[in-house]
Amino acid sequence: MGTPFEKVIDMALLVIQDFRLDNLYNVNKATFDLLFEGWLRKAKPKFVGCLQSLDIDLETKSFISILSDKEIDILADGIVIVWFTNKVQDVSEFGGHMSDSEFKKHSEANNLAKKKEYLDGLQEKMRQDITDYHIQNLDKLVGFI
């Protein structure tokens, strides 16, 4: 058996702070696991050029390969990006705890711009981590390509 999904998800949870997910974990762990499995599967294609197979075994909830710490970290970053993309797209969060009149006074576009800027930073970090991973494994990549 290769690297379990849980190992990648645990790494992502070091970054993700979301009381709704905490509550979901406590109320319905199976749904929590299913949600994160979906985010992991959505994050996999973002890891372009992984030297290990990212094929998965759904029965054992694991990758076929044993992934390195760096590969796990990059996939975890992908999960964070998928999670935060959902946050950016969740228009209902723009209002927060403001009344309708306060919400209209404040620019939801400004809020969205800050979230988008943060998301862009997360994506850039992941691309840089993948580039660094490739540079560190240049000798293996030559035969891989």
Protein backbone atom coordinates (compact mmCIF):
# COMPACT_ATOMS: atom_id res chain seq x y z
CA MET A 1 0.00 0.00 0.00
CA GLY A 2 1.19 3.51 -0.82
CA THR A 3 0.72 6.81 0.96
CA PRO A 4 -2.70 7.08 2.63
CA PHE A 5 -4.91 10.06 1.73
CA GLU A 6 -5.04 10.88 5.44
CA LYS A 7 -1.36 11.81 5.46
CA VAL A 8 -1.89 14.44 2.73
CA ILE A 9 -5.14 15.68 4.28
CA ASP A 10 -3.51 16.05 7.71
CA MET A 11 -0.81 18.22 6.13
CA ALA A 12 -3.48 20.43 4.52
CA LEU A 13 -5.29 20.73 7.85
CA LEU A 14 -2.21 22.36 9.33
CA VAL A 15 -3.10 25.38 7.17
CA ILE A 16 -6.89 25.22 6.91
CA GLN A 17 -8.72 26.91 9.77
CA ASP A 18 -12.46 26.58 9.27
CA PHE A 19 -14.95 26.16 12.09
CA ARG A 20 -17.48 24.62 9.68
CA LEU A 21 -15.05 21.84 8.81
CA ASP A 22 -14.26 21.33 12.49
CA ASN A 23 -17.97 20.98 13.16
CA LEU A 24 -18.45 18.62 10.21
CA TYR A 25 -15.60 16.45 11.50
CA ASN A 26 -17.29 16.20 14.91
CA VAL A 27 -20.79 15.63 13.53
CA ASN A 28 -20.15 13.43 10.49
CA LYS A 29 -16.59 12.18 9.96
CA ALA A 30 -17.61 10.11 6.90
CA THR A 31 -18.86 13.22 5.08
CA PHE A 32 -15.75 15.13 6.19
CA ASP A 33 -13.53 12.38 4.73
CA LEU A 34 -15.54 12.30 1.50
CA LEU A 35 -15.25 16.09 1.10
CA PHE A 36 -11.48 16.06 1.59
CA GLU A 37 -11.09 13.05 -0.70
CA GLY A 38 -12.88 15.06 -3.41
CA TRP A 39 -10.63 18.06 -2.82
CA LEU A 40 -7.57 15.81 -2.98
CA ARG A 41 -8.74 14.29 -6.25
CA LYS A 42 -9.32 17.81 -7.62
CA ALA A 43 -5.85 18.89 -6.44
CA LYS A 44 -3.99 15.95 -8.07
CA PRO A 45 -3.97 17.32 -11.65
CA LYS A 46 -2.48 20.60 -10.37
CA PHE A 47 0.71 18.70 -9.48
CA VAL A 48 2.14 18.65 -12.99
CA GLY A 49 5.23 16.50 -13.45
CA CYS A 50 5.13 14.47 -10.25
CA LEU A 51 7.78 11.78 -10.51
CA GLN A 52 5.62 9.29 -8.59
CA SER A 53 2.38 7.88 -9.89
CA LEU A 54 -0.56 9.79 -8.45
CA ASP A 55 -2.91 6.92 -9.25
CA ILE A 56 -5.13 6.07 -6.31
CA ASP A 57 -6.76 3.03 -4.75
CA LEU A 58 -10.24 4.04 -3.60
CA GLU A 59 -10.68 0.87 -1.56
CA THR A 60 -7.68 1.55 0.66
CA LYS A 61 -8.01 5.36 0.38
CA SER A 62 -4.37 5.64 -0.60
CA PHE A 63 -2.04 6.40 -3.47
CA ILE A 64 -0.49 3.50 -5.31
CA SER A 65 2.98 5.01 -4.74
CA ILE A 66 4.79 5.98 -1.59
CA LEU A 67 5.07 9.76 -1.83
CA SER A 68 7.94 11.85 -0.48
CA ASP A 69 7.37 14.57 2.10
CA LYS A 70 7.76 17.19 -0.64
CA GLU A 71 5.17 15.47 -2.85
CA ILE A 72 2.78 15.25 0.10
CA ASP A 73 3.34 18.93 0.85
CA ILE A 74 2.61 19.98 -2.74
CA LEU A 75 -0.60 17.93 -2.83
CA ALA A 76 -1.63 19.41 0.53
CA ASP A 77 -1.11 22.89 -0.94
CA GLY A 78 -3.40 21.82 -3.78
CA ILE A 79 -6.11 20.89 -1.27
CA VAL A 80 -5.73 24.28 0.42
CA ILE A 81 -6.11 25.98 -2.96
CA VAL A 82 -9.27 24.01 -3.77
CA TRP A 83 -10.69 24.79 -0.31
CA PHE A 84 -9.87 28.49 -0.53
CA THR A 85 -11.21 28.74 -4.08
CA ASN A 86 -14.54 27.63 -2.63
CA LYS A 87 -14.21 30.41 -0.03
CA VAL A 88 -13.58 33.01 -2.73
CA GLN A 89 -16.56 31.82 -4.70
CA ASP A 90 -18.88 31.79 -1.67
CA VAL A 91 -20.65 35.11 -2.12
CA SER A 92 -22.69 34.61 1.04
CA GLU A 93 -19.52 35.07 3.10
CA PHE A 94 -19.00 38.59 1.80
CA GLY A 95 -21.70 39.89 4.10
CA GLY A 96 -20.14 38.39 7.18
CA HIS A 97 -21.89 39.65 10.27
CA MET A 98 -22.93 43.04 8.87
CA SER A 99 -26.45 44.32 8.41
CA ASP A 100 -27.67 44.80 4.85
CA SER A 101 -27.01 48.55 4.94
CA GLU A 102 -23.48 48.10 6.33
CA PHE A 103 -22.80 45.40 3.77
CA LYS A 104 -23.80 47.71 0.93
CA LYS A 105 -21.54 50.50 2.27
CA HIS A 106 -18.51 48.24 2.27
CA SER A 107 -17.25 47.12 -1.06
CA GLU A 108 -17.73 43.41 -1.53
CA ALA A 109 -15.48 43.84 -4.54
CA ASN A 110 -12.70 44.95 -2.18
CA ASN A 111 -13.22 41.84 -0.06
CA LEU A 112 -13.21 39.67 -3.15
CA ALA A 113 -10.04 41.35 -4.43
CA LYS A 114 -8.20 40.58 -1.18
CA LYS A 115 -9.32 36.96 -1.23
CA LYS A 116 -8.38 36.63 -4.90
CA GLU A 117 -4.96 38.15 -4.17
CA TYR A 118 -4.41 35.61 -1.39
CA LEU A 119 -5.54 32.77 -3.67
CA ASP A 120 -3.15 33.95 -6.37
CA GLY A 121 -0.34 33.85 -3.78
CA LEU A 122 -1.25 30.28 -2.81
CA GLN A 123 -1.22 29.21 -6.45
CA GLU A 124 2.11 30.93 -7.08
CA LYS A 125 3.61 29.20 -4.03
CA MET A 126 2.46 25.82 -5.32
CA ARG A 127 3.92 26.50 -8.78
CA GLN A 128 7.22 27.55 -7.17
CA ASP A 129 7.25 24.43 -4.99
CA ILE A 130 6.70 22.27 -8.09
CA THR A 131 9.51 24.10 -9.90
CA ASP A 132 11.84 23.60 -6.91
CA TYR A 133 10.82 19.92 -6.80
CA HIS A 134 11.71 19.57 -10.49
CA ILE A 135 15.06 21.31 -10.03
CA GLN A 136 15.90 19.08 -7.06
CA ASN A 137 15.09 16.03 -9.19
CA LEU A 138 16.52 17.21 -12.50
CA ASP A 139 18.54 14.03 -12.94
CA LYS A 140 15.36 11.93 -12.66
CA LEU A 141 13.36 14.28 -14.88
CA VAL A 142 15.75 13.89 -17.81
CA GLY A 143 14.83 10.23 -18.08
CA PHE A 144 11.21 10.93 -17.19
CA ILE A 145 10.41 13.35 -20.02
